[in-house]
Amino acid sequence: MNVDEFVAANVKRIREDREWSTAELADRLSIGRHVARDYERPRKGAEQRQFLWSEIVSLCAVLDVTIFELVLPREGHRSVPEGWEDLRLVIPRVVEAEGTDEMKAHWRRDDRGRLMEVLFGAVFKPEHIDTFIAKKEARVERLMNELKSLFLSEGEEE
């Protein structure tokens, strides 16, 4: 399976978990029903559609999931993308060296590590996590300030 096929399978699974129809998903995404169906499975005789980043972002927002929940196989799912059969499972060195048994078991369980390598690249290091967290916190603070400004300016207009 490729990333687009994982996204399609996850969209269908998450939609069904929420007990939404395809029509409800389409309405929430402001797209046509046929497009929502294409998100979950290819049309007869066609390959799985490739997802645009804007679609992935919209799906994350509407389904209320993280990008990882949308693009990675569900935990414990074993499916190696074509051509990757001989690649070793990517286990971050820090997990091997200092990780708990639970962490090691998680990384060895399936091919999620391979997909993390593809998404982040081989140069991703544990210290980058702090950068991600700092950027997220800065973004949240900026958005909260923008929201406050909107409310303040709206109050001034009245």
Protein backbone atom coordinates (compact mmCIF):
# COMPACT_ATOMS: atom_id res chain seq x y z
CA MET A 1 0.00 0.00 0.00
CA ASN A 2 1.12 3.57 -0.60
CA VAL A 3 0.39 6.67 1.48
CA ASP A 4 -2.68 7.57 -0.60
CA GLU A 5 -4.13 4.11 -0.02
CA PHE A 6 -3.50 4.47 3.72
CA VAL A 7 -5.28 7.85 3.68
CA ALA A 8 -8.25 6.36 1.81
CA ALA A 9 -8.53 3.40 4.19
CA ASN A 10 -8.25 5.69 7.22
CA VAL A 11 -10.86 8.15 5.89
CA LYS A 12 -13.33 5.30 5.43
CA ARG A 13 -12.56 3.74 8.83
CA ILE A 14 -12.79 7.06 10.71
CA ARG A 15 -15.99 8.08 8.89
CA GLU A 16 -17.59 4.74 9.72
CA ASP A 17 -16.41 4.95 13.35
CA ARG A 18 -18.23 8.29 13.60
CA GLU A 19 -21.28 6.72 11.93
CA TRP A 20 -21.33 9.34 9.19
CA SER A 21 -22.58 8.60 5.71
CA THR A 22 -20.48 9.50 2.70
CA ALA A 23 -22.97 12.31 2.07
CA GLU A 24 -22.38 13.70 5.58
CA LEU A 25 -18.62 13.64 5.04
CA ALA A 26 -19.08 15.42 1.70
CA ASP A 27 -21.25 18.11 3.33
CA ARG A 28 -18.75 18.65 6.15
CA LEU A 29 -15.91 18.98 3.63
CA SER A 30 -18.01 21.14 1.25
CA ILE A 31 -17.28 18.79 -1.64
CA GLY A 32 -19.41 16.71 -3.95
CA ARG A 33 -20.50 13.25 -2.89
CA HIS A 34 -18.66 11.62 -5.78
CA VAL A 35 -15.43 13.28 -4.62
CA ALA A 36 -16.00 12.03 -1.05
CA ARG A 37 -16.47 8.52 -2.46
CA ASP A 38 -13.21 8.91 -4.40
CA TYR A 39 -11.48 9.77 -1.12
CA GLU A 40 -12.31 6.30 0.22
CA ARG A 41 -11.85 4.08 -2.81
CA PRO A 42 -10.84 4.36 -6.44
CA ARG A 43 -13.43 4.35 -9.17
CA LYS A 44 -13.89 1.08 -10.99
CA GLY A 45 -10.74 0.26 -12.94
CA ALA A 46 -8.85 3.32 -11.67
CA GLU A 47 -5.94 3.64 -9.28
CA GLN A 48 -6.35 5.27 -5.87
CA ARG A 49 -6.43 9.04 -6.29
CA GLN A 50 -3.47 11.04 -5.02
CA PHE A 51 -4.36 13.35 -2.17
CA LEU A 52 -3.36 17.01 -2.25
CA TRP A 53 -1.90 18.48 0.95
CA SER A 54 -4.86 20.87 1.11
CA GLU A 55 -7.21 17.87 1.09
CA ILE A 56 -5.24 16.14 3.83
CA VAL A 57 -5.35 19.28 5.96
CA SER A 58 -9.12 19.60 5.40
CA LEU A 59 -9.66 15.94 6.24
CA CYS A 60 -7.66 16.30 9.46
CA ALA A 61 -9.77 19.29 10.49
CA VAL A 62 -13.15 17.76 9.63
CA LEU A 63 -12.36 14.30 11.01
CA ASP A 64 -10.63 15.85 14.04
CA VAL A 65 -7.52 13.69 13.69
CA THR A 66 -3.80 14.36 13.49
CA ILE A 67 -1.95 14.03 10.22
CA PHE A 68 -0.30 10.91 11.61
CA GLU A 69 -3.66 9.26 12.25
CA LEU A 70 -4.62 10.04 8.66
CA VAL A 71 -1.48 9.05 6.71
CA LEU A 72 -0.05 6.18 8.76
CA PRO A 73 -1.44 2.67 8.89
CA ARG A 74 -3.44 1.95 12.00
CA GLU A 75 -1.40 0.58 14.85
CA GLY A 76 -0.48 -3.05 14.41
CA HIS A 77 -1.32 -3.05 10.69
CA ARG A 78 1.27 -4.90 8.67
CA SER A 79 1.66 -3.75 5.10
CA VAL A 80 4.96 -3.01 3.46
CA PRO A 81 4.83 -0.69 0.43
CA GLU A 82 5.88 -2.27 -2.85
CA GLY A 83 9.64 -2.23 -3.25
CA TRP A 84 10.28 -1.83 0.48
CA GLU A 85 10.18 -5.53 1.32
CA ASP A 86 13.95 -5.73 1.83
CA LEU A 87 14.35 -2.46 3.74
CA ARG A 88 15.07 -2.83 7.43
CA LEU A 89 12.54 -1.53 9.91
CA VAL A 90 13.56 1.96 10.97
CA ILE A 91 13.91 2.15 14.72
CA PRO A 92 15.30 5.46 15.99
CA ARG A 93 18.65 4.95 17.72
CA VAL A 94 17.40 6.66 20.86
CA VAL A 95 14.54 4.15 21.12
CA GLU A 96 16.95 1.22 20.76
CA ALA A 97 19.41 2.72 23.25
CA GLU A 98 17.12 4.21 25.89
CA GLY A 99 13.54 3.30 25.04
CA THR A 100 11.25 1.30 27.27
CA ASP A 101 10.27 -2.21 26.26
CA GLU A 102 6.87 -0.83 25.25
CA MET A 103 8.47 1.76 22.93
CA LYS A 104 10.71 -0.87 21.34
CA ALA A 105 7.76 -3.21 20.84
CA HIS A 106 5.76 -0.41 19.23
CA TRP A 107 8.49 0.48 16.73
CA ARG A 108 9.18 -3.17 15.86
CA ARG A 109 5.52 -4.18 15.57
CA ASP A 110 4.88 -3.01 12.01
CA ASP A 111 6.10 -0.74 9.26
CA ARG A 112 5.09 2.58 10.87
CA GLY A 113 8.79 3.30 11.31
CA ARG A 114 9.36 3.05 7.56
CA LEU A 115 6.61 5.55 6.87
CA MET A 116 7.97 7.90 9.53
CA GLU A 117 11.32 7.73 7.74
CA VAL A 118 9.64 8.66 4.45
CA LEU A 119 7.64 11.50 6.01
CA PHE A 120 10.47 13.00 8.06
CA GLY A 121 13.57 11.75 6.27
CA ALA A 122 16.55 9.90 7.65
CA VAL A 123 17.94 13.03 9.29
CA PHE A 124 15.04 13.41 11.74
CA LYS A 125 16.42 13.40 15.27
CA PRO A 126 14.75 13.35 18.69
CA GLU A 127 15.83 16.91 19.42
CA HIS A 128 13.69 18.08 16.49
CA ILE A 129 10.61 17.21 18.56
CA ASP A 130 11.32 20.23 20.80
CA THR A 131 11.35 22.44 17.71
CA PHE A 132 7.98 21.04 16.59
CA ILE A 133 6.51 21.65 20.05
CA ALA A 134 7.88 25.21 20.19
CA LYS A 135 6.49 25.99 16.73
CA LYS A 136 3.10 24.57 17.69
CA GLU A 137 3.01 26.61 20.91
CA ALA A 138 4.03 29.77 19.01
CA ARG A 139 1.32 29.13 16.41
CA VAL A 140 -1.35 28.58 19.08
CA GLU A 141 -0.31 31.79 20.83
CA ARG A 142 -0.39 33.75 17.56
CA LEU A 143 -3.83 32.40 16.68
CA MET A 144 -5.17 33.20 20.15
CA ASN A 145 -3.86 36.77 19.83
CA GLU A 146 -5.52 37.08 16.41
CA LEU A 147 -8.77 35.81 17.90
CA LYS A 148 -8.55 38.31 20.77
CA SER A 149 -7.90 41.10 18.27
CA LEU A 150 -10.94 40.07 16.24
CA PHE A 151 -13.17 40.14 19.30
CA LEU A 152 -11.73 43.46 20.45
CA SER A 153 -12.16 45.09 17.03
CA GLU A 154 -15.70 43.71 16.76
CA GLY A 155 -16.53 45.22 20.16
CA GLU A 156 -15.16 48.61 19.07
CA GLU A 157 -17.40 48.65 15.97
CA GLU A 158 -20.58 48.41 18.06
